[in-house]
């Protein structure tokens, strides 16, 4: 093996080595076939029909004794599912084992607000992490809707005099990855008010830190949106990814739709990353077949890019302790004189409070059901009890009713303090209205009897484990930075932790009766046309939307 590796080391010194192999073995290789497959939209129905015929034949072949045996087995299964296991025989972690404190970070902060440079000394195994962060300015509805597309294409287009292929080669030489994203969070005490930031992020070998910083500056300032075929291709790729994710992320999309009326952030999540965004990207992809529409789209990206430059920038850097000072110096040197404007109007979407009753039709063999209720933000004293309530409902009722008895792949409930909403969901579900009924029964179940200490302890441990989930050293530093940026102080997080640990059964019943009221429920379902037609009468209260 070693001689082959040595030969390869010599060959890759030629910059055209990989290109020549790709050209010879792939592009000019005549021993290939192009196969185009079209999905059969009737396949799901045909499978169901065949299965029903098979079951009918089996049923007709059974004698009375065999039929009774099946009935007895079903009764035994139900009894086993409802049986409460004795888990005291198992080793366990209890609330007393939970640490009361949380880690604190001490980054070095250089410069003054709003142009700070925050640096973390973390074990990164020789990597340099750099981010440029700028507050989102006031955006129109059209600009907000364009934002995820802008982020998706920013690091996929040409920069300066280089076209997109030359820019991709530069990426490969200088960084391990580079991307752009938007981060939005509601205020900790008001879900109707939120902050947003535009973030350009990269990682590279520490020895490439200066080239990494220069690439980021060039991308932020000189990205070009004049390569129209490239833009059209990128939009088509985004559309394909969104459509392919409909079923795998169906439960998330359904919850996002159900909660879209709870707060501005919830509405934005639905428009920019939910089912509404699938409609938007399909319409755009089709429109870009027209040259004039494609040119208008490119111009809108260019205009948004120019508009976003007029906000103050700050920087985040993370690397090993022995390399941190050099990294700070390199980044500050590259970005000197490019701090951005101090004058801007903050991003402030309109407040919203609305109920949602929707049913979305798409090509799926299974269903996804979601229901949401307006609740409270993270600083509210009831937020902790609602978070624990989600675990109690999931472990004590929903898992058994929706998965074990209902046949879905999964189901649960959770409090989302970021949008002030409590959400129920089912995943890959054969049922529709029965699942919605189970959501209601779960609420009635917790109100009928005070949850026991064991159920509460399990749910508390689940909430705390999610809060304490370990990350990479760089990931934990980033999390600390954004907690600070969005006002999630150490004191706030510690206070929330203490409230979670202090939740009682009475607290759970109180918040369930206060917030999970039937008249406040919003519902969203994802299903197919055939299933909708079979249940149309039962679902007539929902607005039907075809994807």
Protein backbone atom coordinates (compact mmCIF):
# COMPACT_ATOMS: atom_id res chain seq x y z
CA UNK A 1 0.00 0.00 0.00
CA UNK A 2 2.78 2.47 0.86
CA UNK A 3 4.31 2.49 -2.67
CA UNK A 4 0.87 3.25 -4.12
CA UNK A 5 0.38 6.11 -1.65
CA UNK A 6 3.81 7.51 -2.45
CA UNK A 7 3.02 7.40 -6.15
CA UNK A 8 -0.25 9.20 -5.48
CA UNK A 9 1.56 11.89 -3.46
CA UNK A 10 3.75 12.61 -6.45
CA UNK A 11 0.87 12.60 -8.90
CA UNK A 12 -1.28 15.08 -6.97
CA UNK A 13 1.46 17.68 -7.19
CA UNK A 14 0.13 18.22 -10.70
CA UNK A 15 -2.87 20.60 -10.28
CA UNK A 16 -4.56 18.99 -13.29
CA UNK A 17 -4.26 15.43 -11.97
CA UNK A 18 -7.82 15.13 -10.62
CA UNK A 19 -9.22 16.99 -13.63
CA UNK A 20 -7.56 14.56 -16.02
CA UNK A 21 -8.89 11.54 -14.13
CA UNK A 22 -12.41 12.97 -14.06
CA UNK A 23 -12.23 13.75 -17.76
CA UNK A 24 -10.87 10.33 -18.73
CA UNK A 25 -12.91 8.11 -16.41
CA UNK A 26 -16.15 10.07 -16.21
CA UNK A 27 -16.74 12.76 -18.84
CA UNK A 28 -15.20 10.90 -21.80
CA UNK A 29 -16.09 7.41 -20.64
CA UNK A 30 -18.50 5.91 -23.17
CA UNK A 31 -19.28 2.89 -20.98
CA UNK A 32 -22.21 4.50 -19.23
CA UNK A 33 -25.97 4.68 -19.31
CA UNK A 34 -28.33 7.53 -18.50
CA UNK A 35 -31.47 6.24 -16.78
CA UNK A 36 -34.36 8.57 -15.97
CA UNK A 37 -36.98 7.34 -13.49
CA UNK A 38 -40.41 8.92 -13.03
CA UNK A 39 -42.31 8.34 -9.76
CA UNK A 40 -45.56 6.38 -9.97
CA UNK A 41 -48.15 8.55 -8.23
CA UNK A 42 -50.56 5.61 -8.00
CA UNK A 43 -48.05 3.29 -6.30
CA UNK A 44 -49.20 4.02 -2.74
CA UNK A 45 -52.84 3.31 -3.54
CA UNK A 46 -51.98 0.13 -5.40
CA UNK A 47 -49.95 -1.15 -2.46
CA UNK A 48 -52.82 -0.48 -0.06
CA UNK A 49 -55.28 -2.23 -2.36
CA UNK A 50 -53.02 -5.30 -2.68
CA UNK A 51 -52.57 -5.42 1.08
CA UNK A 52 -56.32 -5.22 1.66
CA UNK A 53 -56.94 -8.02 -0.83
CA UNK A 54 -54.31 -10.15 0.89
CA UNK A 55 -55.83 -9.53 4.32
CA UNK A 56 -59.30 -10.31 2.98
CA UNK A 57 -58.07 -13.62 1.59
CA UNK A 58 -56.38 -14.50 4.88
CA UNK A 59 -59.52 -13.62 6.84
CA UNK A 60 -61.71 -15.80 4.62
CA UNK A 61 -59.34 -18.74 5.14
CA UNK A 62 -59.53 -18.57 8.95
CA UNK A 63 -61.78 -20.86 10.96
CA UNK A 64 -63.52 -19.75 14.16
CA UNK A 65 -60.71 -20.95 16.43
CA UNK A 66 -58.08 -19.03 14.47
CA UNK A 67 -60.19 -15.86 14.52
CA UNK A 68 -60.64 -16.15 18.28
CA UNK A 69 -56.89 -16.64 18.70
CA UNK A 70 -56.25 -13.33 16.91
CA UNK A 71 -58.80 -11.57 19.15
CA UNK A 72 -57.14 -13.05 22.23
CA UNK A 73 -53.69 -11.97 21.04
CA UNK A 74 -54.93 -8.42 20.43
CA UNK A 75 -56.41 -8.27 23.92
CA UNK A 76 -53.18 -9.61 25.42
CA UNK A 77 -51.16 -7.02 23.49
CA UNK A 78 -53.38 -4.19 24.71
CA UNK A 79 -53.09 -5.40 28.29
CA UNK A 80 -49.30 -5.55 27.97
CA UNK A 81 -49.13 -2.07 26.47
CA UNK A 82 -51.16 -0.67 29.36
CA UNK A 83 -49.15 -2.51 32.00
CA UNK A 84 -46.95 -0.32 34.20
CA UNK A 85 -43.46 -1.79 34.43
CA UNK A 86 -41.49 -1.85 37.66
CA UNK A 87 -38.46 0.24 36.76
CA UNK A 88 -37.16 0.30 40.33
CA UNK A 89 -35.09 -2.77 39.47
CA UNK A 90 -33.01 -0.68 37.06
CA UNK A 91 -30.13 1.61 37.98
CA UNK A 92 -31.01 5.25 37.51
CA UNK A 93 -29.86 8.83 37.65
CA UNK A 94 -32.01 11.03 39.86
CA UNK A 95 -32.59 14.74 40.31
CA UNK A 96 -30.11 14.75 43.17
CA UNK A 97 -27.39 13.80 40.67
CA UNK A 98 -27.98 16.90 38.54
CA UNK A 99 -25.37 19.65 39.02
CA UNK A 100 -26.96 22.93 40.10
CA UNK A 101 -24.45 25.11 38.27
CA UNK A 102 -23.62 25.48 34.58
CA UNK A 103 -20.26 26.14 32.91
CA UNK A 104 -19.13 29.73 32.45
CA UNK A 105 -16.90 31.01 29.68
CA UNK A 106 -14.52 33.96 29.84
CA UNK A 107 -13.86 35.15 26.29
CA UNK A 108 -11.52 38.03 25.56
CA UNK A 109 -13.37 41.01 24.11
CA UNK A 110 -11.58 43.60 22.01
CA UNK A 111 -12.96 46.90 20.74
CA UNK A 112 -16.18 48.70 21.57
CA UNK A 113 -19.84 48.01 20.85
CA UNK A 114 -21.03 47.61 18.13
CA UNK A 115 -17.69 46.60 16.55
CA UNK A 116 -16.49 44.09 19.13
CA UNK A 117 -14.14 41.24 18.42
CA UNK A 118 -14.90 38.32 20.76
CA UNK A 119 -12.29 35.57 20.98
CA UNK A 120 -12.42 32.16 22.69
CA UNK A 121 -9.40 30.01 23.54
CA UNK A 122 -10.63 26.45 23.01
CA UNK A 123 -9.10 23.16 21.99
CA UNK A 124 -9.74 23.10 18.24
CA UNK A 125 -7.11 20.61 17.08
CA UNK A 126 -5.33 23.18 14.94
CA UNK A 127 -8.44 24.75 13.38
CA UNK A 128 -9.42 28.40 13.14
CA UNK A 129 -13.10 29.34 13.38
CA UNK A 130 -14.10 32.81 12.20
CA UNK A 131 -17.48 34.49 12.00
CA UNK A 132 -18.62 37.94 10.92
CA UNK A 133 -21.88 39.01 12.55
CA UNK A 134 -24.05 41.98 11.54
CA UNK A 135 -27.51 42.92 12.83
CA UNK A 136 -30.29 42.60 10.30
CA UNK A 137 -31.67 46.00 9.32
CA UNK A 138 -35.34 46.73 8.73
CA UNK A 139 -36.49 44.49 5.88
CA UNK A 140 -39.59 44.53 3.72
CA UNK A 141 -41.64 41.35 3.35
CA UNK A 142 -40.04 40.72 -0.05
CA UNK A 143 -36.52 41.22 1.34
CA UNK A 144 -37.25 38.90 4.27
CA UNK A 145 -38.51 36.19 1.92
CA UNK A 146 -35.37 36.59 -0.20
CA UNK A 147 -33.04 36.23 2.80
CA UNK A 148 -32.72 32.39 2.88
CA UNK A 149 -32.00 32.32 -0.85
CA UNK A 150 -29.40 35.05 -0.43
CA UNK A 151 -27.73 33.04 2.33
CA UNK A 152 -27.82 29.87 0.25
CA UNK A 153 -26.17 31.39 -2.83
CA UNK A 154 -23.76 33.89 -1.23
CA UNK A 155 -20.91 31.39 -0.88
CA UNK A 156 -21.80 29.53 -4.09
CA UNK A 157 -21.31 32.40 -6.56
CA UNK A 158 -18.25 34.17 -7.90
CA UNK A 159 -16.29 36.76 -5.92
CA UNK A 160 -14.66 39.84 -7.47
CA UNK A 161 -13.07 38.97 -10.81
CA UNK A 162 -13.33 35.22 -10.18
CA UNK A 163 -16.29 33.25 -11.51
CA UNK A 164 -18.01 30.69 -9.31
CA UNK A 165 -15.74 27.82 -10.40
CA UNK A 166 -12.59 29.78 -9.60
CA UNK A 167 -14.13 30.83 -6.29
CA UNK A 168 -14.91 27.20 -5.40
CA UNK A 169 -11.28 26.32 -6.11
CA UNK A 170 -10.24 29.14 -3.79
CA UNK A 171 -12.52 27.72 -1.10
CA UNK A 172 -10.86 24.32 -1.48
CA UNK A 173 -7.39 25.85 -1.12
CA UNK A 174 -8.03 28.14 1.82
CA UNK A 175 -10.88 26.86 4.02
CA UNK A 176 -12.59 23.69 5.08
CA UNK A 177 -16.01 25.31 4.81
CA UNK A 178 -17.65 28.70 4.41
CA UNK A 179 -21.34 29.52 4.70
CA UNK A 180 -23.85 32.27 5.35
CA UNK A 181 -26.92 32.13 7.57
CA UNK A 182 -29.45 34.26 9.40
CA UNK A 183 -30.11 33.81 13.10
CA UNK A 184 -33.26 35.19 14.71
CA UNK A 185 -34.48 34.87 18.28
CA UNK A 186 -37.31 36.44 20.22
CA UNK A 187 -36.60 38.44 23.35
CA UNK A 188 -36.55 36.30 26.48
CA UNK A 189 -39.54 38.16 27.94
CA UNK A 190 -41.54 39.00 24.78
CA UNK A 191 -42.09 36.58 21.90
CA UNK A 192 -43.55 39.39 19.79
CA UNK A 193 -40.19 41.20 19.65
CA UNK A 194 -37.14 39.64 18.06
CA UNK A 195 -33.58 40.29 16.99
CA UNK A 196 -31.90 39.04 13.85
CA UNK A 197 -28.31 38.76 12.64
CA UNK A 198 -26.61 37.94 9.37
CA UNK A 199 -23.68 35.58 9.95
CA UNK A 200 -20.86 34.58 7.62
CA UNK A 201 -18.98 31.62 9.06
CA UNK A 202 -15.92 29.58 8.13
CA UNK A 203 -13.37 27.14 9.47
CA UNK A 204 -9.84 26.45 8.24
CA UNK A 205 -6.45 25.25 9.35
CA UNK A 206 -4.97 27.82 11.71
CA UNK A 207 -2.02 28.36 9.37
CA UNK A 208 -4.50 29.63 6.76
CA UNK A 209 -6.13 32.12 9.13
CA UNK A 210 -5.20 35.23 7.15
CA UNK A 211 -6.31 33.77 3.83
CA UNK A 212 -9.49 32.61 5.57
CA UNK A 213 -10.22 36.11 6.85
CA UNK A 214 -9.51 37.65 3.44
CA UNK A 215 -11.85 35.19 1.75
CA UNK A 216 -14.60 36.10 4.19
CA UNK A 217 -14.13 39.82 3.61
CA UNK A 218 -14.06 39.37 -0.15
CA UNK A 219 -17.23 37.27 0.02
CA UNK A 220 -19.05 39.82 2.17
CA UNK A 221 -18.03 42.75 -0.02
CA UNK A 222 -17.49 41.44 -3.56
CA UNK A 223 -19.89 38.53 -4.11
CA UNK A 224 -21.26 38.76 -7.63
CA UNK A 225 -24.75 37.85 -8.73
CA UNK A 226 -24.32 38.21 -12.50
CA UNK A 227 -23.77 34.52 -13.34
CA UNK A 228 -27.41 33.88 -14.23
CA UNK A 229 -27.20 30.17 -15.20
CA UNK A 230 -25.46 29.49 -11.88
CA UNK A 231 -28.23 31.24 -9.94
CA UNK A 232 -30.91 29.27 -11.78
CA UNK A 233 -29.09 26.01 -11.08
CA UNK A 234 -28.77 26.84 -7.38
CA UNK A 235 -32.48 27.61 -7.07
CA UNK A 236 -33.31 24.28 -8.73
CA UNK A 237 -31.03 22.49 -6.26
CA UNK A 238 -32.70 24.23 -3.31
CA UNK A 239 -36.12 23.24 -4.64
CA UNK A 240 -35.06 19.60 -5.02
CA UNK A 241 -33.70 19.48 -1.46
CA UNK A 242 -36.87 20.97 -0.02
CA UNK A 243 -39.12 18.58 -1.90
CA UNK A 244 -37.04 15.55 -0.92
CA UNK A 245 -37.21 16.58 2.75
CA UNK A 246 -41.01 16.84 2.87
CA UNK A 247 -41.54 13.34 4.26
CA UNK A 248 -38.40 12.98 6.38
CA UNK A 249 -39.12 16.34 8.06
CA UNK A 250 -42.90 16.13 7.88
CA UNK A 251 -43.49 16.33 11.64
CA UNK A 252 -41.29 19.44 11.92
CA UNK A 253 -43.03 21.08 8.96
CA UNK A 254 -46.46 20.30 10.41
CA UNK A 255 -45.53 21.78 13.80
CA UNK A 256 -44.07 24.84 12.10
CA UNK A 257 -47.31 25.33 10.17
CA UNK A 258 -49.52 24.82 13.23
CA UNK A 259 -47.58 27.37 15.28
CA UNK A 260 -47.15 29.95 12.48
CA UNK A 261 -49.67 32.32 14.07
CA UNK A 262 -48.10 32.34 17.53
CA UNK A 263 -45.38 34.99 17.06
CA UNK A 264 -43.40 36.88 14.39
CA UNK A 265 -40.56 34.35 14.57
CA UNK A 266 -43.00 31.45 14.20
CA UNK A 267 -44.49 33.09 11.11
CA UNK A 268 -41.03 33.70 9.63
CA UNK A 269 -40.00 30.09 10.31
CA UNK A 270 -43.04 28.90 8.36
CA UNK A 271 -42.51 31.31 5.47
CA UNK A 272 -38.77 30.86 5.12
CA UNK A 273 -38.26 27.23 6.11
CA UNK A 274 -41.67 25.60 6.36
CA UNK A 275 -44.33 24.37 3.97
CA UNK A 276 -44.95 27.89 2.66
CA UNK A 277 -41.31 28.04 1.54
CA UNK A 278 -41.83 24.92 -0.60
CA UNK A 279 -44.60 26.73 -2.47
CA UNK A 280 -42.41 29.81 -2.84
CA UNK A 281 -39.36 27.99 -4.20
CA UNK A 282 -41.46 26.01 -6.70
CA UNK A 283 -43.02 29.20 -8.03
CA UNK A 284 -39.63 30.90 -8.25
CA UNK A 285 -37.95 27.93 -9.94
CA UNK A 286 -40.61 27.88 -12.63
CA UNK A 287 -40.47 31.66 -13.07
CA UNK A 288 -36.70 31.59 -13.63
CA UNK A 289 -37.22 29.80 -16.94
CA UNK A 290 -37.99 33.29 -18.20
CA UNK A 291 -34.82 35.31 -18.91
CA UNK A 292 -36.34 38.59 -17.71
CA UNK A 293 -37.46 37.02 -14.42
CA UNK A 294 -34.01 35.51 -13.92
CA UNK A 295 -32.38 38.90 -14.48
CA UNK A 296 -34.81 40.52 -12.01
CA UNK A 297 -34.01 37.83 -9.43
CA UNK A 298 -30.27 38.42 -9.82
CA UNK A 299 -30.77 42.16 -9.43
CA UNK A 300 -32.83 41.68 -6.27
CA UNK A 301 -30.00 39.59 -4.78
CA UNK A 302 -27.48 42.27 -5.72
CA UNK A 303 -29.65 45.01 -4.18
CA UNK A 304 -30.16 43.05 -0.95
CA UNK A 305 -26.43 42.32 -0.74
CA UNK A 306 -25.61 46.02 -1.07
CA UNK A 307 -28.29 46.97 1.49
CA UNK A 308 -26.97 44.50 4.08
CA UNK A 309 -23.49 46.07 3.95
CA UNK A 310 -24.71 49.17 5.78
CA UNK A 311 -24.83 47.64 9.26
CA UNK A 312 -22.16 47.45 12.00
CA UNK A 313 -20.04 44.31 11.99
CA UNK A 314 -18.55 42.36 14.87
CA UNK A 315 -16.33 39.28 14.86
CA UNK A 316 -16.09 35.93 16.61
CA UNK A 317 -12.89 33.88 16.53
CA UNK A 318 -12.12 30.54 18.15
CA UNK A 319 -8.87 28.60 18.15
CA UNK A 320 -6.34 26.92 20.42
CA UNK A 321 -4.93 29.04 23.29
CA UNK A 322 -1.42 29.17 21.82
CA UNK A 323 -2.72 30.46 18.48
CA UNK A 324 -5.38 32.90 19.65
CA UNK A 325 -3.33 36.10 19.74
CA UNK A 326 -2.01 35.49 16.23
CA UNK A 327 -5.53 34.80 14.98
CA UNK A 328 -6.92 37.99 16.52
CA UNK A 329 -4.13 40.01 14.93
CA UNK A 330 -4.67 38.45 11.49
CA UNK A 331 -8.44 38.98 11.54
CA UNK A 332 -8.21 42.57 12.78
CA UNK A 333 -5.62 43.34 10.12
CA UNK A 334 -7.68 41.97 7.26
CA UNK A 335 -10.89 43.69 8.36
CA UNK A 336 -9.34 47.05 9.22
CA UNK A 337 -11.54 49.86 7.91
CA UNK A 338 -14.48 47.54 7.14
CA UNK A 339 -16.53 47.85 10.31
CA UNK A 340 -19.70 48.89 8.48
CA UNK A 341 -22.08 51.72 9.28
CA UNK A 342 -23.22 52.52 12.82
CA UNK A 343 -26.53 53.92 11.60
CA UNK A 344 -29.28 51.43 10.79
CA UNK A 345 -32.90 50.62 11.58
CA UNK A 346 -33.37 47.37 13.48
CA UNK A 347 -35.17 44.36 12.04
CA UNK A 348 -38.70 44.48 13.49
CA UNK A 349 -41.35 42.23 11.90
CA UNK A 350 -44.99 42.97 12.60
CA UNK A 351 -46.56 41.38 15.67
CA UNK A 352 -48.90 38.49 15.03
CA UNK A 353 -51.43 36.41 16.94
CA UNK A 354 -53.64 34.13 14.88
CA UNK A 355 -55.09 30.63 14.88
CA UNK A 356 -54.16 28.18 12.13
CA UNK A 357 -56.40 25.40 10.84
CA UNK A 358 -54.72 23.88 7.79
CA UNK A 359 -54.41 20.63 5.88
CA UNK A 360 -51.57 20.33 3.37
CA UNK A 361 -51.76 17.85 0.50
CA UNK A 362 -48.62 16.33 -0.99
CA UNK A 363 -47.28 13.04 -2.33
CA UNK A 364 -46.90 11.07 0.90
CA UNK A 365 -47.94 7.59 1.98
CA UNK A 366 -48.18 8.56 5.65
CA UNK A 367 -49.61 11.45 7.66
CA UNK A 368 -48.12 14.06 9.97
CA UNK A 369 -50.37 15.69 12.55
CA UNK A 370 -49.57 18.72 14.70
CA UNK A 371 -51.40 20.93 17.16
CA UNK A 372 -50.09 24.06 18.87
CA UNK A 373 -51.17 26.36 21.70
CA UNK A 374 -49.92 29.88 22.50
CA UNK A 375 -47.93 29.94 25.74
CA UNK A 376 -45.06 32.03 27.17
CA UNK A 377 -41.46 33.06 26.56
CA UNK A 378 -38.42 31.71 28.37
CA UNK A 379 -38.26 34.31 31.15
CA UNK A 380 -41.85 33.67 32.27
CA UNK A 381 -42.11 31.57 35.47
CA UNK A 382 -44.41 29.06 33.72
CA UNK A 383 -41.95 28.27 30.92
CA UNK A 384 -40.12 25.66 33.00
CA UNK A 385 -43.30 23.82 34.00
CA UNK A 386 -44.47 23.75 30.37
CA UNK A 387 -41.13 22.26 29.30
CA UNK A 388 -41.46 19.50 31.90
CA UNK A 389 -45.11 18.97 30.92
CA UNK A 390 -44.01 18.06 27.40
CA UNK A 391 -41.91 15.20 28.73
CA UNK A 392 -44.65 13.97 31.07
CA UNK A 393 -47.22 13.88 28.26
CA UNK A 394 -44.81 12.16 25.88
CA UNK A 395 -43.62 9.49 28.31
CA UNK A 396 -46.89 8.93 30.14
CA UNK A 397 -49.48 9.01 27.37
CA UNK A 398 -48.50 9.99 23.83
CA UNK A 399 -45.84 7.34 23.19
CA UNK A 400 -48.24 4.55 24.07
CA UNK A 401 -51.32 6.03 22.36
CA UNK A 402 -49.71 7.29 19.15
CA UNK A 403 -46.84 4.89 18.55
CA UNK A 404 -47.60 1.62 20.31
CA UNK A 405 -51.37 1.61 19.77
CA UNK A 406 -51.78 4.05 16.90
CA UNK A 407 -49.02 2.67 14.69
CA UNK A 408 -47.15 5.93 14.06
CA UNK A 409 -43.37 5.97 14.00
CA UNK A 410 -43.39 8.51 16.79
CA UNK A 411 -45.25 11.25 18.62
CA UNK A 412 -44.72 13.72 21.41
CA UNK A 413 -45.15 17.17 22.85
CA UNK A 414 -42.82 20.02 23.73
CA UNK A 415 -42.71 23.63 24.85
CA UNK A 416 -40.94 25.98 22.43
CA UNK A 417 -39.99 29.09 24.37
CA UNK A 418 -38.41 30.66 21.28
CA UNK A 419 -41.87 31.21 19.78
CA UNK A 420 -44.00 30.91 22.95
CA UNK A 421 -45.86 27.79 21.79
CA UNK A 422 -46.64 24.31 23.11
CA UNK A 423 -46.69 21.74 20.31
CA UNK A 424 -48.00 18.20 19.81
CA UNK A 425 -46.92 16.05 16.85
CA UNK A 426 -47.06 12.63 15.24
CA UNK A 427 -44.48 11.23 12.80
CA UNK A 428 -45.24 8.91 9.86
CA UNK A 429 -48.74 8.33 11.16
CA UNK A 430 -51.37 6.02 9.59
CA UNK A 431 -54.14 7.94 11.40
CA UNK A 432 -55.52 11.49 11.27
CA UNK A 433 -58.50 12.45 13.43
CA UNK A 434 -57.79 9.71 15.97
CA UNK A 435 -54.36 11.21 16.56
CA UNK A 436 -55.84 14.68 17.06
CA UNK A 437 -58.21 13.08 19.56
CA UNK A 438 -55.23 11.53 21.36
CA UNK A 439 -53.67 14.99 21.70
CA UNK A 440 -56.84 16.12 23.50
CA UNK A 441 -56.95 12.95 25.60
CA UNK A 442 -53.36 13.54 26.72
CA UNK A 443 -54.35 16.93 28.14
CA UNK A 444 -57.38 15.41 29.87
CA UNK A 445 -55.16 12.63 31.25
CA UNK A 446 -52.77 15.02 32.99
CA UNK A 447 -55.66 17.09 34.38
CA UNK A 448 -57.46 14.07 35.82
CA UNK A 449 -54.67 12.98 38.13
CA UNK A 450 -51.58 14.70 39.48
CA UNK A 451 -48.50 13.21 37.78
CA UNK A 452 -46.39 11.08 40.10
CA UNK A 453 -42.90 11.89 41.32
CA UNK A 454 -41.31 9.31 39.03
CA UNK A 455 -42.98 10.74 35.91
CA UNK A 456 -41.91 14.26 36.86
CA UNK A 457 -38.35 13.16 37.59
CA UNK A 458 -38.05 11.46 34.19
CA UNK A 459 -39.31 14.58 32.42
CA UNK A 460 -37.05 16.90 34.41
CA UNK A 461 -34.05 14.73 33.56
CA UNK A 462 -35.02 14.94 29.89
CA UNK A 463 -35.18 18.74 29.95
CA UNK A 464 -31.88 19.07 31.82
CA UNK A 465 -30.10 16.55 29.58
CA UNK A 466 -31.14 18.58 26.53
CA UNK A 467 -29.78 21.73 28.19
CA UNK A 468 -26.53 20.01 29.21
CA UNK A 469 -25.95 18.11 25.97
CA UNK A 470 -22.20 18.32 25.35
CA UNK A 471 -20.81 19.78 22.17
CA UNK A 472 -17.40 20.26 20.64
CA UNK A 473 -15.17 22.88 22.31
CA UNK A 474 -15.74 25.24 19.39
CA UNK A 475 -19.47 24.50 19.36
CA UNK A 476 -19.84 25.30 23.05
CA UNK A 477 -17.96 28.57 22.57
CA UNK A 478 -20.30 29.54 19.73
CA UNK A 479 -23.31 28.69 21.86
CA UNK A 480 -22.00 30.88 24.68
CA UNK A 481 -21.39 33.77 22.27
CA UNK A 482 -24.91 33.67 20.84
CA UNK A 483 -26.47 33.28 24.28
CA UNK A 484 -24.76 36.54 25.20
CA UNK A 485 -25.67 38.19 21.89
CA UNK A 486 -29.37 37.41 22.28
CA UNK A 487 -29.60 38.27 25.97
CA UNK A 488 -29.53 34.70 27.35
CA UNK A 489 -27.25 35.59 30.23
CA UNK A 490 -25.70 33.14 32.66
CA UNK A 491 -28.13 34.36 35.33
CA UNK A 492 -31.16 33.84 33.07
CA UNK A 493 -30.13 30.29 32.15
CA UNK A 494 -29.36 29.41 35.77
CA UNK A 495 -32.73 30.81 36.88
CA UNK A 496 -34.54 28.72 34.27
CA UNK A 497 -32.61 25.62 35.36
CA UNK A 498 -33.61 26.15 38.98
CA UNK A 499 -37.25 26.51 37.97
CA UNK A 500 -37.13 23.24 36.01
CA UNK A 501 -35.72 21.41 39.03
CA UNK A 502 -38.47 22.84 41.25
CA UNK A 503 -41.48 21.83 39.10
CA UNK A 504 -44.28 19.97 40.92
CA UNK A 505 -47.27 17.96 39.80
CA UNK A 506 -49.57 20.81 40.78
CA UNK A 507 -47.55 23.13 38.53
CA UNK A 508 -48.09 20.78 35.59
CA UNK A 509 -51.85 20.67 36.08
CA UNK A 510 -52.00 24.44 36.49
CA UNK A 511 -50.13 25.25 33.27
CA UNK A 512 -52.03 22.57 31.34
CA UNK A 513 -55.39 24.04 32.37
CA UNK A 514 -54.17 27.61 31.79
CA UNK A 515 -52.58 27.30 28.35
CA UNK A 516 -53.77 24.08 26.68
CA UNK A 517 -57.36 25.19 26.17
CA UNK A 518 -59.34 23.76 23.23
CA UNK A 519 -60.50 27.15 21.99
CA UNK A 520 -56.86 28.27 21.55
CA UNK A 521 -55.66 25.25 19.55
CA UNK A 522 -54.13 25.57 16.08
CA UNK A 523 -53.90 22.49 13.86
CA UNK A 524 -51.90 21.47 10.81
CA UNK A 525 -51.91 18.13 9.00
CA UNK A 526 -49.84 16.83 6.09
CA UNK A 527 -51.47 14.02 4.11
CA UNK A 528 -52.29 12.88 0.57
CA UNK A 529 -55.33 13.52 -1.61
CA UNK A 530 -56.79 10.02 -1.26
CA UNK A 531 -56.66 10.07 2.54
CA UNK A 532 -58.15 13.56 2.56
CA UNK A 533 -61.08 12.46 0.41
CA UNK A 534 -61.73 9.50 2.72
CA UNK A 535 -61.83 11.80 5.77
CA UNK A 536 -63.13 14.99 4.14
CA UNK A 537 -66.23 15.28 6.31
CA UNK A 538 -64.22 14.95 9.52
CA UNK A 539 -61.64 17.50 8.33
CA UNK A 540 -63.97 20.13 6.89
CA UNK A 541 -62.91 22.69 9.53
CA UNK A 542 -59.38 22.77 8.06
CA UNK A 543 -58.32 24.90 5.11
CA UNK A 544 -57.01 22.57 2.39
CA UNK A 545 -53.79 23.67 0.67
CA UNK A 546 -52.18 21.68 -2.15
CA UNK A 547 -48.40 21.69 -2.39
